[in-house]
């Protein structure tokens, strides 16, 4: 850009000159200075060559670092490295002795086998226990605040002198509240889904229910949850829980795990056809793991894929309208009814045609990103890694179609449509002259995104506002604040890589 922008900016002559940001693109080069286009050709070759060299270099560096990590002693001896997740296991192969005979040829053999049972009830009870624990801690915090606030500031007792008094106060002054409402769980056998709903407790007001002591309710809920969890553990130990067609196998050596991962485990189609290795337990989507890979799962996968295609196609309409907004002068020539826009000051019109399309496109893109991420979980992916990879492919396809193809075509068609109608014989010249004008929108869009990204990373406005406003009221217990401070934010690589990939395509 350092070389091409000056060449483009000085490429006009007395008979031809572009306007606005078009002066920075090759559309500002007049026919008398056509030799300047050779600079674009040369810089294009240099950029493409450098980009391919950079990709090869980065791949080599990545492979070197990855191999060093995989062959390190600490990783080779970890359970995660030697454990294989195998899906679509038929019933006659779910016997542990049969599996050990099958993998007898693998170096080292099998060390452990773990079945995946129906743990939905245990998961539900654990979440209920976590909610009860939260309310128990909150009741203690509220009680302590009430104890120390019941006196004036200058009359507050010291901590040591008031310990016994505070304990008696908490026991005698309980906090009352409306407990949360649990509906379900309901199991839908056809979909192999568990439906459970947790509603806020204040809805009990409409049922004319009374408040209950928070401490007593929390302790009673913890006792009931612990009892149900122990019962489910006994069923799990005795093998009475339903088993799914997935299984975890730990091999004795890392080499054996990778050999089993790369081999064709069954000649029957649809049996033992999916394996995952190097799976982190925290990255597993257990709700998808605890489902049999049957017809319903495949139907959901194809249905979500069809929805993705429909969204990409239908989004052409709003994105095309956004591209048209960036060409207000020519748009008003095609549609005279829009000339009321000229009632606004020139600065307002430039803002509308310059930054408003970029802002609207960013908002639409963020909405689609949320929808895609939500729907991807219904494609039966078993790990967050698979979710991010699948999301990256579809999100990149959406961005390439909407932010590159549609915007380019809509912006360019707006520029040349009227001239084509007036002079049909000059179509090649008009295309060569006006198609580069669509780059103006991308100059504005990438500039806006670059300034927004850099400014957000420098100023960190969102964390600053959240720490000084929302988190002060959101963190009601020390445990909540500790978990929030000590937990690192997760980077959503599926949408991050797709965004930068489309920027590279545009540039």
Protein backbone atom coordinates (compact mmCIF):
# COMPACT_ATOMS: atom_id res chain seq x y z
CA UNK A 1 0.00 0.00 0.00
CA UNK A 2 2.91 2.35 0.68
CA UNK A 3 3.95 2.00 -2.97
CA UNK A 4 0.58 1.70 -4.70
CA UNK A 5 -1.35 4.50 -2.97
CA UNK A 6 0.99 7.29 -4.22
CA UNK A 7 0.92 5.75 -7.72
CA UNK A 8 -2.87 5.66 -7.70
CA UNK A 9 -3.27 9.11 -6.16
CA UNK A 10 -1.13 10.76 -8.84
CA UNK A 11 -2.50 8.72 -11.74
CA UNK A 12 -5.22 11.15 -12.85
CA UNK A 13 -4.95 13.74 -15.59
CA UNK A 14 -6.81 16.86 -16.72
CA UNK A 15 -9.57 14.87 -18.41
CA UNK A 16 -10.18 12.19 -15.78
CA UNK A 17 -10.04 12.15 -12.00
CA UNK A 18 -11.83 10.06 -9.38
CA UNK A 19 -13.50 11.45 -6.29
CA UNK A 20 -13.21 10.75 -2.58
CA UNK A 21 -11.47 7.57 -1.52
CA UNK A 22 -11.56 6.34 -5.12
CA UNK A 23 -8.41 8.42 -5.63
CA UNK A 24 -6.53 5.83 -3.54
CA UNK A 25 -7.52 2.90 -5.77
CA UNK A 26 -6.51 2.04 -9.32
CA UNK A 27 -9.79 3.53 -10.56
CA UNK A 28 -8.02 6.93 -10.33
CA UNK A 29 -5.50 5.95 -13.02
CA UNK A 30 -6.39 7.61 -16.32
CA UNK A 31 -6.01 5.94 -19.70
CA UNK A 32 -3.04 8.18 -20.47
CA UNK A 33 -1.20 6.70 -17.48
CA UNK A 34 -2.13 3.07 -18.09
CA UNK A 35 1.52 2.01 -17.71
CA UNK A 36 1.12 2.57 -13.97
CA UNK A 37 -0.95 -0.61 -13.83
CA UNK A 38 2.30 -2.55 -14.26
CA UNK A 39 3.13 -1.57 -10.68
CA UNK A 40 -0.05 -3.33 -9.53
CA UNK A 41 0.94 -6.45 -11.47
CA UNK A 42 4.47 -6.52 -10.04
CA UNK A 43 3.34 -5.83 -6.46
CA UNK A 44 0.67 -8.50 -6.83
CA UNK A 45 3.28 -11.10 -7.79
CA UNK A 46 5.54 -10.05 -4.92
CA UNK A 47 2.68 -10.15 -2.40
CA UNK A 48 1.46 -13.57 -3.54
CA UNK A 49 4.98 -15.01 -3.50
CA UNK A 50 5.71 -13.63 -0.04
CA UNK A 51 2.37 -14.87 1.25
CA UNK A 52 3.01 -18.44 0.03
CA UNK A 53 6.53 -18.43 1.47
CA UNK A 54 5.12 -17.23 4.80
CA UNK A 55 2.54 -20.03 4.83
CA UNK A 56 5.21 -22.69 4.20
CA UNK A 57 7.47 -21.20 6.87
CA UNK A 58 4.67 -21.08 9.44
CA UNK A 59 3.66 -24.67 8.67
CA UNK A 60 7.23 -25.87 9.17
CA UNK A 61 7.49 -24.00 12.46
CA UNK A 62 4.14 -25.40 13.60
CA UNK A 63 5.10 -28.99 12.75
CA UNK A 64 8.41 -28.63 14.59
CA UNK A 65 6.79 -27.28 17.75
CA UNK A 66 3.99 -29.86 17.60
CA UNK A 67 6.36 -32.80 17.23
CA UNK A 68 8.50 -31.53 20.10
CA UNK A 69 5.44 -31.33 22.34
CA UNK A 70 4.05 -34.74 21.35
CA UNK A 71 7.40 -36.46 21.92
CA UNK A 72 8.12 -34.81 25.28
CA UNK A 73 8.31 -37.21 28.22
CA UNK A 74 5.60 -35.46 30.23
CA UNK A 75 3.13 -35.67 27.36
CA UNK A 76 3.97 -39.24 26.32
CA UNK A 77 3.18 -40.52 29.82
CA UNK A 78 -0.08 -38.58 30.22
CA UNK A 79 -3.39 -40.42 30.09
CA UNK A 80 -4.81 -37.92 27.61
CA UNK A 81 -2.12 -38.74 25.02
CA UNK A 82 -2.72 -42.50 25.21
CA UNK A 83 -6.53 -42.44 25.32
CA UNK A 84 -8.67 -42.97 22.24
CA UNK A 85 -12.37 -42.10 21.89
CA UNK A 86 -14.04 -44.60 19.55
CA UNK A 87 -17.58 -44.05 18.27
CA UNK A 88 -20.21 -46.26 16.60
CA UNK A 89 -19.33 -49.44 18.46
CA UNK A 90 -21.87 -52.22 17.71
CA UNK A 91 -23.34 -54.13 20.69
CA UNK A 92 -21.35 -57.32 20.05
CA UNK A 93 -18.07 -55.36 20.32
CA UNK A 94 -18.89 -53.54 23.56
CA UNK A 95 -17.58 -56.45 25.63
CA UNK A 96 -14.20 -55.57 27.12
CA UNK A 97 -12.67 -59.00 26.45
CA UNK A 98 -13.61 -58.79 22.77
CA UNK A 99 -12.05 -55.34 22.47
CA UNK A 100 -8.84 -56.53 24.09
CA UNK A 101 -8.58 -59.36 21.56
CA UNK A 102 -9.13 -56.94 18.66
CA UNK A 103 -6.39 -54.56 19.84
CA UNK A 104 -4.00 -57.33 20.85
CA UNK A 105 -1.88 -56.62 17.77
CA UNK A 106 -1.33 -53.01 18.86
CA UNK A 107 2.07 -52.53 20.56
CA UNK A 108 1.54 -52.66 24.32
CA UNK A 109 -2.14 -53.54 24.09
CA UNK A 110 -4.96 -52.00 26.10
CA UNK A 111 -4.47 -50.68 29.62
CA UNK A 112 -7.97 -49.42 30.57
CA UNK A 113 -11.45 -49.29 29.05
CA UNK A 114 -14.17 -46.86 30.12
CA UNK A 115 -17.76 -47.18 28.97
CA UNK A 116 -19.87 -44.07 28.43
CA UNK A 117 -23.09 -44.57 30.34
CA UNK A 118 -26.25 -42.50 30.68
CA UNK A 119 -25.03 -39.92 33.20
CA UNK A 120 -27.71 -37.29 32.52
CA UNK A 121 -29.33 -37.69 35.94
CA UNK A 122 -25.99 -37.36 37.71
CA UNK A 123 -25.23 -34.25 35.68
CA UNK A 124 -28.63 -32.79 36.56
CA UNK A 125 -28.17 -33.47 40.28
CA UNK A 126 -24.66 -32.00 40.26
CA UNK A 127 -25.96 -28.77 38.72
CA UNK A 128 -28.74 -28.61 41.32
CA UNK A 129 -26.16 -29.10 44.07
CA UNK A 130 -24.01 -26.30 42.65
CA UNK A 131 -27.04 -23.99 42.66
CA UNK A 132 -27.85 -24.93 46.25
CA UNK A 133 -24.24 -24.31 47.29
CA UNK A 134 -24.36 -20.89 45.65
CA UNK A 135 -27.51 -19.94 47.59
CA UNK A 136 -26.00 -21.26 50.82
CA UNK A 137 -22.93 -19.06 50.41
CA UNK A 138 -25.08 -16.10 49.39
CA UNK A 139 -27.22 -16.47 52.50
CA UNK A 140 -24.11 -16.37 54.70
CA UNK A 141 -22.81 -13.25 52.94
CA UNK A 142 -26.18 -11.50 53.24
CA UNK A 143 -26.38 -12.44 56.91
CA UNK A 144 -22.91 -11.07 57.65
CA UNK A 145 -23.71 -7.83 55.83
CA UNK A 146 -26.91 -7.43 57.83
CA UNK A 147 -25.04 -8.11 61.07
CA UNK A 148 -22.35 -5.49 60.49
CA UNK A 149 -24.75 -2.95 58.99
CA UNK A 150 -27.28 -3.08 61.80
CA UNK A 151 -25.18 -0.65 63.83
CA UNK A 152 -23.71 2.70 62.95
CA UNK A 153 -20.23 2.74 61.46
CA UNK A 154 -18.60 4.19 64.58
CA UNK A 155 -20.34 1.66 66.81
CA UNK A 156 -19.37 -1.50 64.91
CA UNK A 157 -17.77 -4.16 67.12
CA UNK A 158 -14.40 -5.63 66.25
CA UNK A 159 -14.15 -8.98 64.52
CA UNK A 160 -12.72 -10.82 67.49
CA UNK A 161 -15.26 -9.53 69.99
CA UNK A 162 -18.27 -10.16 67.77
CA UNK A 163 -17.58 -13.70 66.50
CA UNK A 164 -19.97 -15.40 68.89
CA UNK A 165 -22.52 -12.63 68.45
CA UNK A 166 -22.31 -12.91 64.66
CA UNK A 167 -22.81 -16.68 64.78
CA UNK A 168 -25.88 -16.33 66.97
CA UNK A 169 -27.19 -13.59 64.69
CA UNK A 170 -26.85 -15.78 61.58
CA UNK A 171 -28.61 -18.69 63.28
CA UNK A 172 -31.50 -16.58 64.50
CA UNK A 173 -31.94 -14.31 61.46
CA UNK A 174 -32.32 -16.42 58.35
CA UNK A 175 -32.69 -15.00 54.85
CA UNK A 176 -35.93 -15.81 53.04
CA UNK A 177 -36.24 -16.14 49.27
CA UNK A 178 -38.15 -17.82 46.45
CA UNK A 179 -36.23 -20.97 45.43
CA UNK A 180 -35.67 -21.66 41.71
CA UNK A 181 -38.22 -23.71 39.82
CA UNK A 182 -37.00 -26.96 38.21
CA UNK A 183 -39.10 -28.45 35.42
CA UNK A 184 -38.13 -31.86 34.13
CA UNK A 185 -35.92 -33.47 33.15
CA UNK A 186 -37.87 -34.98 30.29
CA UNK A 187 -36.18 -37.48 28.05
CA UNK A 188 -37.12 -37.47 24.36
CA UNK A 189 -36.18 -40.98 23.17
CA UNK A 190 -36.65 -40.19 19.47
CA UNK A 191 -34.18 -37.29 19.61
CA UNK A 192 -32.02 -38.70 22.43
CA UNK A 193 -32.20 -35.32 24.10
CA UNK A 194 -32.83 -34.35 27.71
CA UNK A 195 -35.07 -31.33 28.19
CA UNK A 196 -34.81 -29.53 31.51
CA UNK A 197 -35.88 -26.02 32.40
CA UNK A 198 -34.82 -23.86 35.34
CA UNK A 199 -37.01 -20.82 35.94
CA UNK A 200 -36.28 -17.91 38.29
CA UNK A 201 -37.80 -18.20 41.74
CA UNK A 202 -39.71 -14.90 41.61
CA UNK A 203 -42.26 -16.59 39.35
CA UNK A 204 -43.59 -18.31 42.48
CA UNK A 205 -45.23 -14.99 43.34
CA UNK A 206 -47.89 -15.70 40.71
CA UNK A 207 -48.60 -19.02 42.45
CA UNK A 208 -49.13 -17.23 45.80
CA UNK A 209 -46.31 -19.23 47.36
CA UNK A 210 -44.43 -18.13 50.44
CA UNK A 211 -40.74 -17.52 50.78
CA UNK A 212 -38.63 -20.20 52.42
CA UNK A 213 -35.47 -19.94 54.55
CA UNK A 214 -32.47 -19.89 52.21
CA UNK A 215 -30.15 -21.87 54.50
CA UNK A 216 -32.65 -24.64 55.24
CA UNK A 217 -33.59 -24.98 51.57
CA UNK A 218 -29.93 -25.11 50.50
CA UNK A 219 -28.99 -27.74 53.07
CA UNK A 220 -32.03 -29.86 52.22
CA UNK A 221 -31.27 -29.62 48.50
CA UNK A 222 -27.62 -30.56 49.04
CA UNK A 223 -28.68 -33.60 51.07
CA UNK A 224 -31.16 -34.76 48.42
CA UNK A 225 -28.69 -34.22 45.58
CA UNK A 226 -25.95 -36.12 47.39
CA UNK A 227 -28.34 -39.01 48.03
CA UNK A 228 -29.40 -39.19 44.38
CA UNK A 229 -25.81 -38.94 43.16
CA UNK A 230 -24.74 -41.80 45.43
CA UNK A 231 -27.60 -43.95 44.12
CA UNK A 232 -26.58 -43.24 40.53
CA UNK A 233 -22.97 -44.10 41.35
CA UNK A 234 -24.10 -47.46 42.71
CA UNK A 235 -26.01 -48.12 39.50
CA UNK A 236 -22.96 -47.13 37.48
CA UNK A 237 -20.69 -49.44 39.47
CA UNK A 238 -23.10 -52.36 39.06
CA UNK A 239 -23.53 -51.73 35.33
CA UNK A 240 -27.25 -50.97 35.50
CA UNK A 241 -27.03 -47.68 33.59
CA UNK A 242 -27.65 -47.58 29.85
CA UNK A 243 -24.44 -47.69 27.81
CA UNK A 244 -23.91 -45.67 24.65
CA UNK A 245 -22.07 -46.75 21.50
CA UNK A 246 -18.94 -44.78 22.38
CA UNK A 247 -16.03 -45.86 24.53
CA UNK A 248 -12.72 -44.55 25.87
CA UNK A 249 -9.71 -46.87 25.53
CA UNK A 250 -6.37 -46.16 27.20
CA UNK A 251 -3.43 -47.88 25.52
CA UNK A 252 -0.19 -48.79 27.23
CA UNK A 253 1.96 -46.72 24.89
CA UNK A 254 1.61 -43.55 22.85
CA UNK A 255 2.64 -45.40 19.70
CA UNK A 256 -0.12 -47.96 20.20
CA UNK A 257 -2.76 -45.26 20.57
CA UNK A 258 -1.69 -43.56 17.33
CA UNK A 259 -1.54 -46.86 15.44
CA UNK A 260 -5.09 -47.70 16.53
CA UNK A 261 -6.19 -44.17 15.60
CA UNK A 262 -4.84 -44.48 12.05
CA UNK A 263 -5.96 -48.04 11.32
CA UNK A 264 -9.23 -49.17 9.74
CA UNK A 265 -10.82 -50.78 12.79
CA UNK A 266 -13.78 -52.44 11.06
CA UNK A 267 -14.68 -53.57 7.56
CA UNK A 268 -18.37 -52.90 8.19
CA UNK A 269 -19.53 -49.48 7.13
CA UNK A 270 -20.68 -47.36 10.07
CA UNK A 271 -18.83 -49.42 12.72
CA UNK A 272 -15.79 -48.05 14.58
CA UNK A 273 -15.54 -45.40 11.87
CA UNK A 274 -14.74 -42.39 14.05
CA UNK A 275 -11.84 -42.04 16.47
CA UNK A 276 -10.45 -39.09 18.37
CA UNK A 277 -7.08 -38.87 20.09
CA UNK A 278 -5.42 -36.27 22.29
CA UNK A 279 -8.82 -35.31 23.70
CA UNK A 280 -8.79 -33.02 26.71
CA UNK A 281 -11.62 -33.92 29.14
CA UNK A 282 -12.44 -30.22 29.59
CA UNK A 283 -12.89 -29.88 25.82
CA UNK A 284 -15.42 -32.70 25.52
CA UNK A 285 -19.07 -31.85 24.89
CA UNK A 286 -20.51 -34.56 27.10
CA UNK A 287 -24.10 -34.10 25.99
CA UNK A 288 -23.13 -35.00 22.43
CA UNK A 289 -20.88 -37.82 23.58
CA UNK A 290 -23.76 -39.36 25.55
CA UNK A 291 -25.78 -39.90 22.36
CA UNK A 292 -25.82 -42.83 19.98
CA UNK A 293 -24.75 -41.93 16.46
CA UNK A 294 -27.96 -42.99 14.75
CA UNK A 295 -30.31 -41.71 12.09
CA UNK A 296 -31.53 -38.84 14.27
CA UNK A 297 -27.99 -37.51 14.75
CA UNK A 298 -27.35 -37.62 11.01
CA UNK A 299 -30.68 -35.91 10.36
CA UNK A 300 -29.80 -33.10 12.78
CA UNK A 301 -26.39 -32.72 11.14
CA UNK A 302 -27.83 -32.40 7.63
CA UNK A 303 -30.63 -30.14 8.84
CA UNK A 304 -28.17 -27.70 10.41
CA UNK A 305 -26.11 -27.76 7.20
CA UNK A 306 -29.20 -26.86 5.17
CA UNK A 307 -29.98 -24.03 7.61
CA UNK A 308 -26.44 -22.70 7.15
CA UNK A 309 -26.87 -22.66 3.36
CA UNK A 310 -30.26 -20.93 3.65
CA UNK A 311 -28.82 -18.26 5.97
CA UNK A 312 -25.95 -17.58 3.56
CA UNK A 313 -28.36 -17.25 0.63
CA UNK A 314 -30.97 -15.12 2.40
CA UNK A 315 -28.37 -12.78 3.86
CA UNK A 316 -27.58 -11.66 0.32
CA UNK A 317 -30.58 -9.30 0.49
CA UNK A 318 -29.58 -7.14 3.51
CA UNK A 319 -25.89 -7.21 2.61
CA UNK A 320 -26.68 -6.09 -0.95
CA UNK A 321 -28.69 -3.17 0.40
CA UNK A 322 -25.75 -2.20 2.60
CA UNK A 323 -23.46 -2.24 -0.42
CA UNK A 324 -25.85 0.04 -2.28
CA UNK A 325 -25.83 2.58 0.53
CA UNK A 326 -22.11 3.17 -0.04
CA UNK A 327 -22.92 4.62 -3.50
CA UNK A 328 -25.51 7.28 -2.59
CA UNK A 329 -24.88 9.67 -5.56
CA UNK A 330 -25.40 6.98 -8.17
CA UNK A 331 -28.17 5.34 -6.16
CA UNK A 332 -30.17 8.57 -6.22
CA UNK A 333 -29.73 8.76 -10.00
CA UNK A 334 -31.24 5.31 -10.38
CA UNK A 335 -33.97 6.00 -7.82
CA UNK A 336 -34.93 9.69 -7.86
CA UNK A 337 -37.30 9.13 -4.93
CA UNK A 338 -34.23 8.97 -2.66
CA UNK A 339 -33.12 12.53 -3.43
CA UNK A 340 -34.47 13.61 -0.05
CA UNK A 341 -31.10 12.44 1.30
CA UNK A 342 -29.57 15.65 -0.11
CA UNK A 343 -31.55 17.61 2.46
CA UNK A 344 -28.94 16.54 5.01
CA UNK A 345 -25.63 18.40 5.29
CA UNK A 346 -22.74 17.17 3.18
CA UNK A 347 -20.92 15.85 6.27
CA UNK A 348 -23.94 13.76 7.21
CA UNK A 349 -24.19 12.32 3.69
CA UNK A 350 -20.51 11.40 3.69
CA UNK A 351 -20.95 9.72 7.06
CA UNK A 352 -23.96 7.78 5.81
CA UNK A 353 -22.23 6.60 2.65
CA UNK A 354 -18.86 6.06 4.32
CA UNK A 355 -19.15 4.56 7.77
CA UNK A 356 -22.81 3.55 8.15
CA UNK A 357 -22.52 0.59 5.71
CA UNK A 358 -19.43 -0.70 7.52
CA UNK A 359 -21.12 -0.44 10.92
CA UNK A 360 -24.28 -2.18 9.70
CA UNK A 361 -22.25 -4.94 8.05
CA UNK A 362 -20.32 -5.50 11.29
CA UNK A 363 -23.57 -5.79 13.27
CA UNK A 364 -25.07 -8.29 10.81
CA UNK A 365 -21.86 -10.31 10.89
CA UNK A 366 -21.87 -10.51 14.70
CA UNK A 367 -25.48 -11.75 14.69
CA UNK A 368 -24.68 -14.52 12.21
CA UNK A 369 -21.62 -15.53 14.23
CA UNK A 370 -23.82 -16.13 17.30
CA UNK A 371 -26.39 -18.09 15.28
CA UNK A 372 -23.75 -20.27 13.61
CA UNK A 373 -22.04 -21.08 16.91
CA UNK A 374 -25.36 -22.05 18.52
CA UNK A 375 -26.42 -24.30 15.64
CA UNK A 376 -23.03 -26.01 15.34
CA UNK A 377 -23.54 -27.74 18.69
CA UNK A 378 -26.49 -29.62 17.17
CA UNK A 379 -24.28 -31.25 14.54
CA UNK A 380 -23.17 -33.88 17.03
CA UNK A 381 -19.59 -32.68 17.44
CA UNK A 382 -18.00 -34.34 20.45
CA UNK A 383 -15.26 -31.82 21.26
CA UNK A 384 -14.85 -28.07 21.21
CA UNK A 385 -12.04 -28.54 18.69
CA UNK A 386 -14.44 -30.10 16.18
CA UNK A 387 -16.98 -27.35 16.82
CA UNK A 388 -14.41 -24.63 16.12
CA UNK A 389 -13.16 -26.35 12.97
CA UNK A 390 -16.66 -26.80 11.56
CA UNK A 391 -17.63 -23.27 12.55
CA UNK A 392 -14.51 -21.85 10.89
CA UNK A 393 -15.40 -23.45 7.54
CA UNK A 394 -18.99 -22.26 7.46
CA UNK A 395 -18.29 -18.83 8.91
CA UNK A 396 -15.55 -18.27 6.35
CA UNK A 397 -17.96 -19.32 3.59
CA UNK A 398 -20.49 -16.82 4.89
CA UNK A 399 -17.95 -14.00 5.13
CA UNK A 400 -16.52 -14.74 1.68
CA UNK A 401 -19.95 -14.68 0.06
CA UNK A 402 -21.42 -11.74 1.98
CA UNK A 403 -18.49 -9.47 2.75
CA UNK A 404 -16.56 -10.05 -0.46
CA UNK A 405 -18.65 -11.29 -3.38
CA UNK A 406 -22.01 -9.70 -2.60
CA UNK A 407 -20.60 -6.34 -1.52
CA UNK A 408 -18.30 -6.19 -4.55
CA UNK A 409 -21.06 -7.05 -7.00
CA UNK A 410 -23.70 -4.80 -5.43
CA UNK A 411 -21.35 -1.81 -5.18
CA UNK A 412 -20.08 -2.27 -8.72
CA UNK A 413 -23.48 -2.90 -10.30
CA UNK A 414 -24.79 0.30 -8.74
CA UNK A 415 -21.96 2.24 -10.35
CA UNK A 416 -22.23 0.83 -13.88
CA UNK A 417 -25.92 -0.04 -14.25
CA UNK A 418 -27.08 3.40 -15.34
CA UNK A 419 -24.15 3.84 -17.74
CA UNK A 420 -24.79 0.41 -19.28
CA UNK A 421 -28.40 1.38 -19.92
CA UNK A 422 -27.32 4.63 -21.59
CA UNK A 423 -24.37 3.18 -23.55
CA UNK A 424 -24.76 -0.59 -24.06
CA UNK A 425 -21.86 -0.80 -26.54
CA UNK A 426 -19.31 0.42 -24.01
CA UNK A 427 -19.76 -2.41 -21.49
CA UNK A 428 -16.07 -3.61 -21.48
CA UNK A 429 -14.75 -0.11 -20.93
CA UNK A 430 -17.32 0.62 -18.24
CA UNK A 431 -16.50 -2.60 -16.38
CA UNK A 432 -12.77 -1.94 -16.47
CA UNK A 433 -13.27 1.63 -15.30
CA UNK A 434 -15.87 1.22 -12.58
CA UNK A 435 -15.38 -2.25 -11.08
CA UNK A 436 -12.33 -1.09 -9.07
CA UNK A 437 -14.56 1.48 -7.38
CA UNK A 438 -16.00 -1.30 -5.23
CA UNK A 439 -12.66 -1.37 -3.43
CA UNK A 440 -13.63 1.92 -1.77
CA UNK A 441 -16.05 0.12 0.50
CA UNK A 442 -13.37 -2.34 1.58
CA UNK A 443 -10.94 0.49 2.31
CA UNK A 444 -13.49 1.95 4.68
CA UNK A 445 -14.50 -1.39 6.18
CA UNK A 446 -10.97 -2.66 6.87
CA UNK A 447 -9.92 0.74 8.21
CA UNK A 448 -12.88 0.79 10.57
CA UNK A 449 -12.20 -2.77 11.77
CA UNK A 450 -8.48 -2.07 12.20
CA UNK A 451 -9.03 1.08 14.26
CA UNK A 452 -11.76 -0.61 16.30
CA UNK A 453 -9.62 -3.69 16.97
CA UNK A 454 -6.50 -1.73 17.95
CA UNK A 455 -8.43 0.78 20.02
CA UNK A 456 -10.32 -1.93 21.85
CA UNK A 457 -7.13 -3.82 22.68
CA UNK A 458 -5.35 -0.68 23.88
CA UNK A 459 -8.17 0.82 25.92
CA UNK A 460 -9.92 -2.41 27.04
CA UNK A 461 -13.17 -0.53 27.41
CA UNK A 462 -15.38 -3.60 27.81
CA UNK A 463 -13.45 -5.16 30.75
CA UNK A 464 -13.15 -1.73 32.37
CA UNK A 465 -16.89 -1.12 32.24
CA UNK A 466 -17.73 -4.66 33.34
CA UNK A 467 -15.33 -4.54 36.31
CA UNK A 468 -16.69 -1.22 37.55
CA UNK A 469 -20.38 -1.87 36.97
CA UNK A 470 -21.71 -5.35 36.25
CA UNK A 471 -19.27 -7.52 38.19
CA UNK A 472 -19.74 -5.48 41.37
CA UNK A 473 -23.35 -6.68 41.50
CA UNK A 474 -22.89 -9.98 39.67
CA UNK A 475 -20.28 -11.43 42.07
CA UNK A 476 -22.36 -11.94 45.20
CA UNK A 477 -20.04 -14.51 46.84
CA UNK A 478 -16.25 -14.80 47.22
CA UNK A 479 -16.30 -18.04 45.21
CA UNK A 480 -17.85 -16.31 42.21
CA UNK A 481 -15.29 -13.52 42.26
CA UNK A 482 -12.39 -15.96 42.70
CA UNK A 483 -13.55 -18.15 39.80
CA UNK A 484 -13.98 -15.13 37.53
CA UNK A 485 -10.56 -13.65 38.36
CA UNK A 486 -8.62 -16.92 38.11
CA UNK A 487 -10.32 -18.19 34.92
CA UNK A 488 -8.66 -17.19 31.66
CA UNK A 489 -10.98 -16.02 28.89
CA UNK A 490 -11.42 -18.52 26.08
CA UNK A 491 -10.48 -17.50 22.56
CA UNK A 492 -13.06 -18.55 19.97
CA UNK A 493 -10.67 -19.64 17.25
CA UNK A 494 -13.39 -20.71 14.82
CA UNK A 495 -14.61 -17.17 14.29
CA UNK A 496 -11.22 -15.51 14.85
CA UNK A 497 -9.38 -17.35 12.06
CA UNK A 498 -12.30 -16.97 9.65
CA UNK A 499 -12.36 -13.19 10.09
CA UNK A 500 -8.63 -12.75 9.42
CA UNK A 501 -8.80 -15.17 6.50
CA UNK A 502 -11.44 -13.05 4.79
CA UNK A 503 -9.37 -9.92 5.42
CA UNK A 504 -6.47 -11.63 3.65
CA UNK A 505 -8.75 -12.49 0.71
CA UNK A 506 -9.97 -8.89 0.45
CA UNK A 507 -6.49 -7.40 0.60
